[in-house]
Amino acid sequence: MPFDPTLPVNNSLVSSCELRNQLNGLKSSIDNVEVGLNNAIAGTAVNPAVNLLGQSISNPPTQAQVQAIQNKLNELINAITRPQV
């Protein structure tokens, strides 16, 4: 039985069956969220290995320096992007 937020109704007698069903419904909802969260975490990058960009930037920067920055950003984006399932 799914969780019903309208139960128990105000001023009703306590019914163990009704309360048990409510608690089981909540437990089921929590379990579903946990499975979804675990699946989402499993698909994330784990400690991506991206080396630092060790360069000095001139003023104004050269095209090669800007290209190196773009390449490093692309490397970082690829390292932290979750794979499509």
PDB file of N, CA and C in Angstrom:
ATOM      1  N   MET A   1       0.847  -1.180   0.000  1.00  0.00           N
ATOM      2  CA  MET A   1       0.000   0.000   0.000  1.00  0.00           C
ATOM      3  C   MET A   1       0.892   1.243   0.000  1.00  0.00           C
ATOM      4  N   PRO A   2       0.648   2.175  -0.914  1.00  0.00           N
ATOM      5  CA  PRO A   2       1.444   3.403  -0.915  1.00  0.00           C
ATOM      6  C   PRO A   2       1.089   4.285   0.270  1.00  0.00           C
ATOM      7  N   PHE A   3       2.005   5.162   0.611  1.00  0.00           N
ATOM      8  CA  PHE A   3       1.782   6.108   1.703  1.00  0.00           C
ATOM      9  C   PHE A   3       0.609   7.016   1.364  1.00  0.00           C
ATOM     10  N   ASP A   4      -0.278   7.233   2.333  1.00  0.00           N
ATOM     11  CA  ASP A   4      -1.435   8.123   2.168  1.00  0.00           C
ATOM     12  C   ASP A   4      -1.319   9.222   3.220  1.00  0.00           C
ATOM     13  N   PRO A   5      -0.979  10.462   2.813  1.00  0.00           N
ATOM     14  CA  PRO A   5      -0.776  11.526   3.797  1.00  0.00           C
ATOM     15  C   PRO A   5      -2.053  11.940   4.530  1.00  0.00           C
ATOM     16  N   THR A   6      -3.200  11.439   4.108  1.00  0.00           N
ATOM     17  CA  THR A   6      -4.457  11.795   4.793  1.00  0.00           C
ATOM     18  C   THR A   6      -4.758  10.862   5.953  1.00  0.00           C
ATOM     19  N   LEU A   7      -3.935   9.826   6.139  1.00  0.00           N
ATOM     20  CA  LEU A   7      -4.184   8.862   7.213  1.00  0.00           C
ATOM     21  C   LEU A   7      -3.114   8.984   8.290  1.00  0.00           C
ATOM     22  N   PRO A   8      -3.446   8.726   9.514  1.00  0.00           N
ATOM     23  CA  PRO A   8      -4.796   8.538  10.047  1.00  0.00           C
ATOM     24  C   PRO A   8      -5.544   9.875  10.099  1.00  0.00           C
ATOM     25  N   VAL A   9      -6.840   9.782   9.987  1.00  0.00           N
ATOM     26  CA  VAL A   9      -7.650  11.000  10.034  1.00  0.00           C
ATOM     27  C   VAL A   9      -7.664  11.530  11.460  1.00  0.00           C
ATOM     28  N   ASN A  10      -7.901  12.825  11.595  1.00  0.00           N
ATOM     29  CA  ASN A  10      -7.925  13.455  12.919  1.00  0.00           C
ATOM     30  C   ASN A  10      -8.927  12.776  13.836  1.00  0.00           C
ATOM     31  N   ASN A  11      -8.525  12.592  15.075  1.00  0.00           N
ATOM     32  CA  ASN A  11      -9.365  12.034  16.146  1.00  0.00           C
ATOM     33  C   ASN A  11      -9.837  10.610  15.883  1.00  0.00           C
ATOM     34  N   SER A  12      -9.140   9.863  15.030  1.00  0.00           N
ATOM     35  CA  SER A  12      -9.532   8.475  14.785  1.00  0.00           C
ATOM     36  C   SER A  12      -8.841   7.567  15.794  1.00  0.00           C
ATOM     37  N   LEU A  13      -9.406   6.391  15.993  1.00  0.00           N
ATOM     38  CA  LEU A  13      -8.768   5.398  16.846  1.00  0.00           C
ATOM     39  C   LEU A  13      -7.541   4.863  16.132  1.00  0.00           C
ATOM     40  N   VAL A  14      -6.542   4.504  16.899  1.00  0.00           N
ATOM     41  CA  VAL A  14      -5.308   3.989  16.322  1.00  0.00           C
ATOM     42  C   VAL A  14      -5.566   2.580  15.796  1.00  0.00           C
ATOM     43  N   SER A  15      -5.175   2.362  14.545  1.00  0.00           N
ATOM     44  CA  SER A  15      -5.302   1.046  13.934  1.00  0.00           C
ATOM     45  C   SER A  15      -3.907   0.569  13.565  1.00  0.00           C
ATOM     46  N   SER A  16      -3.489  -0.541  14.167  1.00  0.00           N
ATOM     47  CA  SER A  16      -2.140  -1.026  13.907  1.00  0.00           C
ATOM     48  C   SER A  16      -1.956  -1.360  12.425  1.00  0.00           C
ATOM     49  N   CYS A  17      -2.959  -1.913  11.793  1.00  0.00           N
ATOM     50  CA  CYS A  17      -2.867  -2.261  10.378  1.00  0.00           C
ATOM     51  C   CYS A  17      -2.677  -0.995   9.536  1.00  0.00           C
ATOM     52  N   GLU A  18      -3.462   0.039   9.821  1.00  0.00           N
ATOM     53  CA  GLU A  18      -3.361   1.288   9.070  1.00  0.00           C
ATOM     54  C   GLU A  18      -1.990   1.937   9.269  1.00  0.00           C
ATOM     55  N   LEU A  19      -1.512   1.986  10.506  1.00  0.00           N
ATOM     56  CA  LEU A  19      -0.208   2.575  10.781  1.00  0.00           C
ATOM     57  C   LEU A  19       0.911   1.755  10.150  1.00  0.00           C
ATOM     58  N   ARG A  20       0.805   0.431  10.207  1.00  0.00           N
ATOM     59  CA  ARG A  20       1.803  -0.440   9.596  1.00  0.00           C
ATOM     60  C   ARG A  20       1.869  -0.190   8.087  1.00  0.00           C
ATOM     61  N   ASN A  21       0.700  -0.081   7.452  1.00  0.00           N
ATOM     62  CA  ASN A  21       0.665   0.192   6.021  1.00  0.00           C
ATOM     63  C   ASN A  21       1.301   1.551   5.705  1.00  0.00           C
ATOM     64  N   GLN A  22       1.045   2.542   6.541  1.00  0.00           N
ATOM     65  CA  GLN A  22       1.637   3.865   6.334  1.00  0.00           C
ATOM     66  C   GLN A  22       3.159   3.798   6.443  1.00  0.00           C
ATOM     67  N   LEU A  23       3.643   3.123   7.479  1.00  0.00           N
ATOM     68  CA  LEU A  23       5.089   3.000   7.666  1.00  0.00           C
ATOM     69  C   LEU A  23       5.735   2.198   6.538  1.00  0.00           C
ATOM     70  N   ASN A  24       5.072   1.132   6.099  1.00  0.00           N
ATOM     71  CA  ASN A  24       5.600   0.362   4.978  1.00  0.00           C
ATOM     72  C   ASN A  24       5.619   1.192   3.696  1.00  0.00           C
ATOM     73  N   GLY A  25       4.605   2.021   3.500  1.00  0.00           N
ATOM     74  CA  GLY A  25       4.583   2.906   2.348  1.00  0.00           C
ATOM     75  C   GLY A  25       5.725   3.910   2.385  1.00  0.00           C
ATOM     76  N   LEU A  26       6.002   4.495   3.552  1.00  0.00           N
ATOM     77  CA  LEU A  26       7.127   5.419   3.702  1.00  0.00           C
ATOM     78  C   LEU A  26       8.449   4.710   3.455  1.00  0.00           C
ATOM     79  N   LYS A  27       8.591   3.503   3.999  1.00  0.00           N
ATOM     80  CA  LYS A  27       9.815   2.723   3.818  1.00  0.00           C
ATOM     81  C   LYS A  27      10.054   2.441   2.339  1.00  0.00           C
ATOM     82  N   SER A  28       9.005   2.098   1.629  1.00  0.00           N
ATOM     83  CA  SER A  28       9.113   1.837   0.202  1.00  0.00           C
ATOM     84  C   SER A  28       9.556   3.089  -0.555  1.00  0.00           C
ATOM     85  N   SER A  29       8.998   4.240  -0.192  1.00  0.00           N
ATOM     86  CA  SER A  29       9.383   5.501  -0.835  1.00  0.00           C
ATOM     87  C   SER A  29      10.851   5.825  -0.561  1.00  0.00           C
ATOM     88  N   ILE A  30      11.281   5.627   0.670  1.00  0.00           N
ATOM     89  CA  ILE A  30      12.681   5.879   1.044  1.00  0.00           C
ATOM     90  C   ILE A  30      13.607   4.939   0.281  1.00  0.00           C
ATOM     91  N   ASP A  31      13.232   3.669   0.176  1.00  0.00           N
ATOM     92  CA  ASP A  31      14.048   2.702  -0.561  1.00  0.00           C
ATOM     93  C   ASP A  31      14.187   3.104  -2.028  1.00  0.00           C
ATOM     94  N   ASN A  32      13.104   3.589  -2.639  1.00  0.00           N
ATOM     95  CA  ASN A  32      13.149   4.008  -4.032  1.00  0.00           C
ATOM     96  C   ASN A  32      14.075   5.204  -4.220  1.00  0.00           C
ATOM     97  N   VAL A  33      14.036   6.144  -3.300  1.00  0.00           N
ATOM     98  CA  VAL A  33      14.924   7.304  -3.366  1.00  0.00           C
ATOM     99  C   VAL A  33      16.371   6.856  -3.206  1.00  0.00           C
ATOM    100  N   GLU A  34      16.606   5.932  -2.296  1.00  0.00           N
ATOM    101  CA  GLU A  34      17.970   5.439  -2.063  1.00  0.00           C
ATOM    102  C   GLU A  34      18.523   4.750  -3.307  1.00  0.00           C
ATOM    103  N   VAL A  35      17.712   3.943  -3.969  1.00  0.00           N
ATOM    104  CA  VAL A  35      18.158   3.262  -5.189  1.00  0.00           C
ATOM    105  C   VAL A  35      18.502   4.296  -6.262  1.00  0.00           C
ATOM    106  N   GLY A  36      17.635   5.295  -6.427  1.00  0.00           N
ATOM    107  CA  GLY A  36      17.900   6.340  -7.410  1.00  0.00           C
ATOM    108  C   GLY A  36      19.170   7.110  -7.094  1.00  0.00           C
ATOM    109  N   LEU A  37      19.369   7.419  -5.829  1.00  0.00           N
ATOM    110  CA  LEU A  37      20.570   8.142  -5.420  1.00  0.00           C
ATOM    111  C   LEU A  37      21.825   7.309  -5.644  1.00  0.00           C
ATOM    112  N   ASN A  38      21.771   6.041  -5.285  1.00  0.00           N
ATOM    113  CA  ASN A  38      22.920   5.157  -5.498  1.00  0.00           C
ATOM    114  C   ASN A  38      23.256   5.028  -6.977  1.00  0.00           C
ATOM    115  N   ASN A  39      22.232   4.941  -7.831  1.00  0.00           N
ATOM    116  CA  ASN A  39      22.472   4.858  -9.271  1.00  0.00           C
ATOM    117  C   ASN A  39      23.090   6.147  -9.795  1.00  0.00           C
ATOM    118  N   ALA A  40      22.628   7.281  -9.294  1.00  0.00           N
ATOM    119  CA  ALA A  40      23.179   8.568  -9.729  1.00  0.00           C
ATOM    120  C   ALA A  40      24.633   8.709  -9.295  1.00  0.00           C
ATOM    121  N   ILE A  41      24.933   8.314  -8.084  1.00  0.00           N
ATOM    122  CA  ILE A  41      26.304   8.412  -7.581  1.00  0.00           C
ATOM    123  C   ILE A  41      27.224   7.469  -8.350  1.00  0.00           C
ATOM    124  N   ALA A  42      26.727   6.283  -8.678  1.00  0.00           N
ATOM    125  CA  ALA A  42      27.550   5.301  -9.387  1.00  0.00           C
ATOM    126  C   ALA A  42      27.975   5.807 -10.762  1.00  0.00           C
ATOM    127  N   GLY A  43      27.204   6.727 -11.339  1.00  0.00           N
ATOM    128  CA  GLY A  43      27.529   7.225 -12.664  1.00  0.00           C
ATOM    129  C   GLY A  43      28.378   8.473 -12.677  1.00  0.00           C
ATOM    130  N   THR A  44      28.839   8.926 -11.521  1.00  0.00           N
ATOM    131  CA  THR A  44      29.633  10.146 -11.484  1.00  0.00           C
ATOM    132  C   THR A  44      31.121   9.823 -11.557  1.00  0.00           C
ATOM    133  N   ALA A  45      31.882  10.810 -11.951  1.00  0.00           N
ATOM    134  CA  ALA A  45      33.331  10.641 -12.041  1.00  0.00           C
ATOM    135  C   ALA A  45      33.919  10.486 -10.645  1.00  0.00           C
ATOM    136  N   VAL A  46      34.895   9.616 -10.526  1.00  0.00           N
ATOM    137  CA  VAL A  46      35.559   9.382  -9.251  1.00  0.00           C
ATOM    138  C   VAL A  46      36.988   9.900  -9.357  1.00  0.00           C
ATOM    139  N   ASN A  47      37.272  10.956  -8.614  1.00  0.00           N
ATOM    140  CA  ASN A  47      38.607  11.543  -8.591  1.00  0.00           C
ATOM    141  C   ASN A  47      39.229  11.635  -9.987  1.00  0.00           C
ATOM    142  N   PRO A  48      38.650  12.471 -10.845  1.00  0.00           N
ATOM    143  CA  PRO A  48      39.200  12.571 -12.197  1.00  0.00           C
ATOM    144  C   PRO A  48      40.649  13.053 -12.171  1.00  0.00           C
ATOM    145  N   ALA A  49      41.471  12.467 -13.030  1.00  0.00           N
ATOM    146  CA  ALA A  49      42.890  12.819 -13.081  1.00  0.00           C
ATOM    147  C   ALA A  49      43.112  13.863 -14.174  1.00  0.00           C
ATOM    148  N   VAL A  50      43.212  15.104 -13.775  1.00  0.00           N
ATOM    149  CA  VAL A  50      43.507  16.196 -14.699  1.00  0.00           C
ATOM    150  C   VAL A  50      44.696  16.949 -14.120  1.00  0.00           C
ATOM    151  N   ASN A  51      45.763  16.983 -14.870  1.00  0.00           N
ATOM    152  CA  ASN A  51      46.960  17.679 -14.407  1.00  0.00           C
ATOM    153  C   ASN A  51      46.779  19.188 -14.496  1.00  0.00           C
ATOM    154  N   LEU A  52      47.529  19.906 -13.678  1.00  0.00           N
ATOM    155  CA  LEU A  52      47.480  21.360 -13.691  1.00  0.00           C
ATOM    156  C   LEU A  52      48.050  21.892 -15.003  1.00  0.00           C
ATOM    157  N   LEU A  53      47.560  23.036 -15.407  1.00  0.00           N
ATOM    158  CA  LEU A  53      48.071  23.704 -16.595  1.00  0.00           C
ATOM    159  C   LEU A  53      49.212  24.605 -16.144  1.00  0.00           C
ATOM    160  N   GLY A  54      50.427  24.196 -16.410  1.00  0.00           N
ATOM    161  CA  GLY A  54      51.588  24.940 -15.936  1.00  0.00           C
ATOM    162  C   GLY A  54      52.141  25.855 -17.006  1.00  0.00           C
ATOM    163  N   GLN A  55      51.572  27.020 -17.119  1.00  0.00           N
ATOM    164  CA  GLN A  55      52.079  27.970 -18.096  1.00  0.00           C
ATOM    165  C   GLN A  55      51.910  29.385 -17.571  1.00  0.00           C
ATOM    166  N   SER A  56      52.749  30.263 -18.058  1.00  0.00           N
ATOM    167  CA  SER A  56      52.599  31.681 -17.752  1.00  0.00           C
ATOM    168  C   SER A  56      51.820  32.321 -18.892  1.00  0.00           C
ATOM    169  N   ILE A  57      51.011  33.289 -18.555  1.00  0.00           N
ATOM    170  CA  ILE A  57      50.206  33.967 -19.560  1.00  0.00           C
ATOM    171  C   ILE A  57      50.828  35.337 -19.820  1.00  0.00           C
ATOM    172  N   SER A  58      51.105  35.601 -21.091  1.00  0.00           N
ATOM    173  CA  SER A  58      51.641  36.915 -21.445  1.00  0.00           C
ATOM    174  C   SER A  58      50.503  37.920 -21.557  1.00  0.00           C
ATOM    175  N   ASN A  59      50.842  39.177 -21.655  1.00  0.00           N
ATOM    176  CA  ASN A  59      49.834  40.231 -21.774  1.00  0.00           C
ATOM    177  C   ASN A  59      50.114  41.011 -23.048  1.00  0.00           C
ATOM    178  N   PRO A  60      49.338  40.864 -24.045  1.00  0.00           N
ATOM    179  CA  PRO A  60      48.146  40.034 -24.184  1.00  0.00           C
ATOM    180  C   PRO A  60      48.531  38.569 -24.402  1.00  0.00           C
ATOM    181  N   PRO A  61      47.602  37.647 -24.102  1.00  0.00           N
ATOM    182  CA  PRO A  61      47.911  36.228 -24.291  1.00  0.00           C
ATOM    183  C   PRO A  61      48.022  35.893 -25.781  1.00  0.00           C
ATOM    184  N   THR A  62      48.864  34.904 -26.056  1.00  0.00           N
ATOM    185  CA  THR A  62      49.005  34.449 -27.436  1.00  0.00           C
ATOM    186  C   THR A  62      47.887  33.469 -27.765  1.00  0.00           C
ATOM    187  N   GLN A  63      47.683  33.228 -29.042  1.00  0.00           N
ATOM    188  CA  GLN A  63      46.668  32.267 -29.466  1.00  0.00           C
ATOM    189  C   GLN A  63      46.992  30.881 -28.903  1.00  0.00           C
ATOM    190  N   ALA A  64      48.256  30.522 -28.870  1.00  0.00           N
ATOM    191  CA  ALA A  64      48.653  29.211 -28.337  1.00  0.00           C
ATOM    192  C   ALA A  64      48.312  29.088 -26.851  1.00  0.00           C
ATOM    193  N   GLN A  65      48.493  30.162 -26.087  1.00  0.00           N
ATOM    194  CA  GLN A  65      48.158  30.126 -24.656  1.00  0.00           C
ATOM    195  C   GLN A  65      46.651  29.965 -24.451  1.00  0.00           C
ATOM    196  N   VAL A  66      45.878  30.709 -25.227  1.00  0.00           N
ATOM    197  CA  VAL A  66      44.417  30.610 -25.118  1.00  0.00           C
ATOM    198  C   VAL A  66      43.964  29.215 -25.547  1.00  0.00           C
ATOM    199  N   GLN A  67      44.576  28.670 -26.582  1.00  0.00           N
ATOM    200  CA  GLN A  67      44.231  27.321 -27.038  1.00  0.00           C
ATOM    201  C   GLN A  67      44.567  26.285 -25.974  1.00  0.00           C
ATOM    202  N   ALA A  68      45.677  26.463 -25.273  1.00  0.00           N
ATOM    203  CA  ALA A  68      46.052  25.547 -24.198  1.00  0.00           C
ATOM    204  C   ALA A  68      45.031  25.590 -23.070  1.00  0.00           C
ATOM    205  N   ILE A  69      44.525  26.778 -22.764  1.00  0.00           N
ATOM    206  CA  ILE A  69      43.493  26.911 -21.730  1.00  0.00           C
ATOM    207  C   ILE A  69      42.223  26.202 -22.174  1.00  0.00           C
ATOM    208  N   GLN A  70      41.823  26.398 -23.413  1.00  0.00           N
ATOM    209  CA  GLN A  70      40.630  25.729 -23.923  1.00  0.00           C
ATOM    210  C   GLN A  70      40.797  24.215 -23.891  1.00  0.00           C
ATOM    211  N   ASN A  71      41.953  23.741 -24.295  1.00  0.00           N
ATOM    212  CA  ASN A  71      42.199  22.292 -24.273  1.00  0.00           C
ATOM    213  C   ASN A  71      42.112  21.731 -22.854  1.00  0.00           C
ATOM    214  N   LYS A  72      42.643  22.471 -21.883  1.00  0.00           N
ATOM    215  CA  LYS A  72      42.612  22.009 -20.493  1.00  0.00           C
ATOM    216  C   LYS A  72      41.188  22.015 -19.963  1.00  0.00           C
ATOM    217  N   LEU A  73      40.411  23.043 -20.306  1.00  0.00           N
ATOM    218  CA  LEU A  73      39.002  23.073 -19.888  1.00  0.00           C
ATOM    219  C   LEU A  73      38.234  21.903 -20.493  1.00  0.00           C
ATOM    220  N   ASN A  74      38.463  21.619 -21.754  1.00  0.00           N
ATOM    221  CA  ASN A  74      37.806  20.477 -22.380  1.00  0.00           C
ATOM    222  C   ASN A  74      38.199  19.169 -21.712  1.00  0.00           C
ATOM    223  N   GLU A  75      39.464  19.033 -21.353  1.00  0.00           N
ATOM    224  CA  GLU A  75      39.928  17.835 -20.645  1.00  0.00           C
ATOM    225  C   GLU A  75      39.215  17.693 -19.303  1.00  0.00           C
ATOM    226  N   LEU A  76      39.088  18.798 -18.581  1.00  0.00           N
ATOM    227  CA  LEU A  76      38.406  18.779 -17.290  1.00  0.00           C
ATOM    228  C   LEU A  76      36.924  18.442 -17.450  1.00  0.00           C
ATOM    229  N   ILE A  77      36.271  19.063 -18.412  1.00  0.00           N
ATOM    230  CA  ILE A  77      34.843  18.785 -18.650  1.00  0.00           C
ATOM    231  C   ILE A  77      34.643  17.313 -18.988  1.00  0.00           C
ATOM    232  N   ASN A  78      35.494  16.773 -19.847  1.00  0.00           N
ATOM    233  CA  ASN A  78      35.381  15.352 -20.199  1.00  0.00           C
ATOM    234  C   ASN A  78      35.616  14.451 -18.998  1.00  0.00           C
ATOM    235  N   ALA A  79      36.519  14.834 -18.114  1.00  0.00           N
ATOM    236  CA  ALA A  79      36.842  14.007 -16.952  1.00  0.00           C
ATOM    237  C   ALA A  79      35.698  13.976 -15.934  1.00  0.00           C
ATOM    238  N   ILE A  80      34.938  15.065 -15.810  1.00  0.00           N
ATOM    239  CA  ILE A  80      33.894  15.110 -14.788  1.00  0.00           C
ATOM    240  C   ILE A  80      32.502  14.863 -15.336  1.00  0.00           C
ATOM    241  N   THR A  81      32.383  14.671 -16.648  1.00  0.00           N
ATOM    242  CA  THR A  81      31.079  14.430 -17.244  1.00  0.00           C
ATOM    243  C   THR A  81      30.649  13.001 -16.967  1.00  0.00           C
ATOM    244  N   ARG A  82      29.420  12.870 -16.519  1.00  0.00           N
ATOM    245  CA  ARG A  82      28.860  11.565 -16.237  1.00  0.00           C
ATOM    246  C   ARG A  82      28.593  10.838 -17.561  1.00  0.00           C
ATOM    247  N   PRO A  83      28.958   9.584 -17.663  1.00  0.00           N
ATOM    248  CA  PRO A  83      28.695   8.861 -18.911  1.00  0.00           C
ATOM    249  C   PRO A  83      27.190   8.693 -19.137  1.00  0.00           C
ATOM    250  N   GLN A  84      26.786   8.758 -20.386  1.00  0.00           N
ATOM    251  CA  GLN A  84      25.382   8.563 -20.724  1.00  0.00           C
ATOM    252  C   GLN A  84      25.050   7.072 -20.636  1.00  0.00           C
ATOM    253  N   VAL A  85      23.926   6.774 -19.992  1.00  0.00           N
ATOM    254  CA  VAL A  85      23.537   5.375 -19.807  1.00  0.00           C
ATOM    255  C   VAL A  85      22.438   5.030 -20.770  1.00  0.00           C
TER     256      VAL A  85
END
